[in-house]
């Protein structure tokens, strides 16, 4: 029981790190999807001008 506060603190840090990595991963997928959408839009504009 004496080490419980230390364990909770360590688990909290691990949980926060996991959350940060998850959010960063989702952000990368979102940016990748946005880039693909912009590419598709540009392709549509090019096809429309032909």
C-alpha atoms as a PDB file:
ATOM      1  CA  UNK A   1       0.000   0.000   0.000  1.00  0.00           C
ATOM      2  CA  UNK A   2       2.961   2.281   0.555  1.00  0.00           C
ATOM      3  CA  UNK A   3       3.839   2.293  -3.168  1.00  0.00           C
ATOM      4  CA  UNK A   4       0.258   2.895  -4.339  1.00  0.00           C
ATOM      5  CA  UNK A   5       0.648   6.670  -4.983  1.00  0.00           C
ATOM      6  CA  UNK A   6       3.830   6.031  -6.981  1.00  0.00           C
ATOM      7  CA  UNK A   7       2.082   3.304  -8.998  1.00  0.00           C
ATOM      8  CA  UNK A   8      -0.914   5.531  -9.711  1.00  0.00           C
ATOM      9  CA  UNK A   9       1.367   8.346 -10.820  1.00  0.00           C
ATOM     10  CA  UNK A  10       3.268   6.016 -13.145  1.00  0.00           C
ATOM     11  CA  UNK A  11       0.036   4.606 -14.600  1.00  0.00           C
ATOM     12  CA  UNK A  12      -1.263   8.135 -15.145  1.00  0.00           C
ATOM     13  CA  UNK A  13       1.863   9.092 -17.064  1.00  0.00           C
ATOM     14  CA  UNK A  14       1.624   5.947 -19.201  1.00  0.00           C
ATOM     15  CA  UNK A  15      -2.051   6.606 -19.921  1.00  0.00           C
ATOM     16  CA  UNK A  16      -1.332  10.206 -20.934  1.00  0.00           C
ATOM     17  CA  UNK A  17       1.486   9.102 -23.244  1.00  0.00           C
ATOM     18  CA  UNK A  18      -0.762   6.513 -24.886  1.00  0.00           C
ATOM     19  CA  UNK A  19      -3.457   9.155 -25.373  1.00  0.00           C
ATOM     20  CA  UNK A  20      -0.952  11.568 -26.961  1.00  0.00           C
ATOM     21  CA  UNK A  21       0.297   8.888 -29.355  1.00  0.00           C
ATOM     22  CA  UNK A  22      -3.286   7.974 -30.294  1.00  0.00           C
ATOM     23  CA  UNK A  23      -4.237  11.601 -30.988  1.00  0.00           C
ATOM     24  CA  UNK A  24      -1.059  12.136 -33.026  1.00  0.00           C
ATOM     25  CA  UNK A  25      -1.823   9.021 -35.062  1.00  0.00           C
ATOM     26  CA  UNK A  26      -5.341  10.181 -35.775  1.00  0.00           C
ATOM     27  CA  UNK A  27      -4.040  13.602 -36.768  1.00  0.00           C
ATOM     28  CA  UNK A  28      -1.670  12.055 -39.303  1.00  0.00           C
ATOM     29  CA  UNK A  29      -4.487  10.063 -40.871  1.00  0.00           C
ATOM     30  CA  UNK A  30      -6.628  13.192 -41.032  1.00  0.00           C
ATOM     31  CA  UNK A  31      -3.863  15.187 -42.742  1.00  0.00           C
ATOM     32  CA  UNK A  32      -3.275  12.313 -45.144  1.00  0.00           C
ATOM     33  CA  UNK A  33      -6.975  12.194 -45.991  1.00  0.00           C
ATOM     34  CA  UNK A  34      -7.059  15.961 -46.500  1.00  0.00           C
ATOM     35  CA  UNK A  35      -4.108  15.729 -48.875  1.00  0.00           C
ATOM     36  CA  UNK A  36      -5.860  13.008 -50.852  1.00  0.00           C
ATOM     37  CA  UNK A  37      -9.049  15.106 -51.026  1.00  0.00           C
ATOM     38  CA  UNK A  38      -7.079  18.096 -52.332  1.00  0.00           C
ATOM     39  CA  UNK A  39      -5.369  15.903 -54.918  1.00  0.00           C
ATOM     40  CA  UNK A  40      -8.725  14.556 -56.070  1.00  0.00           C
ATOM     41  CA  UNK A  41     -10.169  18.086 -56.263  1.00  0.00           C
ATOM     42  CA  UNK A  42      -7.221  19.258 -58.363  1.00  0.00           C
ATOM     43  CA  UNK A  43      -7.635  16.273 -60.656  1.00  0.00           C
ATOM     44  CA  UNK A  44     -11.326  17.105 -61.065  1.00  0.00           C
ATOM     45  CA  UNK A  45     -10.486  20.701 -61.987  1.00  0.00           C
ATOM     46  CA  UNK A  46      -7.919  19.524 -64.532  1.00  0.00           C
ATOM     47  CA  UNK A  47     -10.407  17.094 -66.058  1.00  0.00           C
ATOM     48  CA  UNK A  48     -13.027  19.864 -66.228  1.00  0.00           C
ATOM     49  CA  UNK A  49     -10.756  22.179 -68.211  1.00  0.00           C
ATOM     50  CA  UNK A  50     -10.028  19.637 -70.950  1.00  0.00           C
END
